[in-house]
Amino acid sequence: MIDFENELKKFHPSPEVGDVEDVVNNHDLTDMVDFIVRTVSDAEE
């Protein structure tokens, strides 16, 4: 049987995840909703 408490004690997050989080939070990334809104706005003009 797996001892989840013991496994959680051994857990360490990957450093790359923190790096990706910093990049995503510090840059203005366009998502699909932004792209669609911009495309519809341009088509209406």
Protein backbone atom coordinates (compact mmCIF):
# COMPACT_ATOMS: atom_id res chain seq x y z
CA MET A 1 0.00 0.00 0.00
CA ILE A 2 1.24 3.53 -0.78
CA ASP A 3 1.88 5.78 2.20
CA PHE A 4 0.65 9.10 0.80
CA GLU A 5 1.82 11.14 3.78
CA ASN A 6 5.35 9.82 3.34
CA GLU A 7 5.25 10.43 -0.42
CA LEU A 8 4.06 14.02 0.10
CA LYS A 9 6.99 14.67 2.44
CA LYS A 10 9.39 13.63 -0.35
CA PHE A 11 7.73 15.87 -2.95
CA HIS A 12 9.73 18.80 -4.34
CA PRO A 13 8.31 20.88 -7.20
CA SER A 14 10.28 21.05 -10.41
CA PRO A 15 12.30 24.28 -10.72
CA GLU A 16 11.25 24.60 -14.36
CA VAL A 17 7.64 25.07 -13.31
CA GLY A 18 8.58 28.20 -11.37
CA ASP A 19 10.52 29.53 -14.36
CA VAL A 20 7.53 29.05 -16.65
CA GLU A 21 5.24 30.71 -14.13
CA ASP A 22 7.51 33.78 -14.02
CA VAL A 23 7.58 34.04 -17.82
CA VAL A 24 3.81 33.73 -18.14
CA ASN A 25 3.08 36.25 -15.38
CA ASN A 26 5.65 38.81 -16.57
CA HIS A 27 4.69 38.89 -20.26
CA ASP A 28 1.55 40.07 -21.97
CA LEU A 29 0.54 36.85 -23.69
CA THR A 30 -2.36 36.88 -26.12
CA ASP A 31 -4.81 34.04 -25.64
CA MET A 32 -7.48 32.85 -28.08
CA VAL A 33 -10.17 35.10 -26.60
CA ASP A 34 -7.98 38.18 -27.11
CA PHE A 35 -7.28 37.05 -30.68
CA ILE A 36 -10.98 36.53 -31.48
CA VAL A 37 -12.02 39.87 -29.94
CA ARG A 38 -9.33 41.69 -31.91
CA THR A 39 -10.28 39.91 -35.15
CA VAL A 40 -13.99 40.73 -34.74
CA SER A 41 -13.20 44.34 -33.87
CA ASP A 42 -10.98 44.68 -36.95
CA ALA A 43 -13.69 43.10 -39.16
CA GLU A 44 -16.31 45.57 -37.87
CA GLU A 45 -14.15 48.60 -38.78
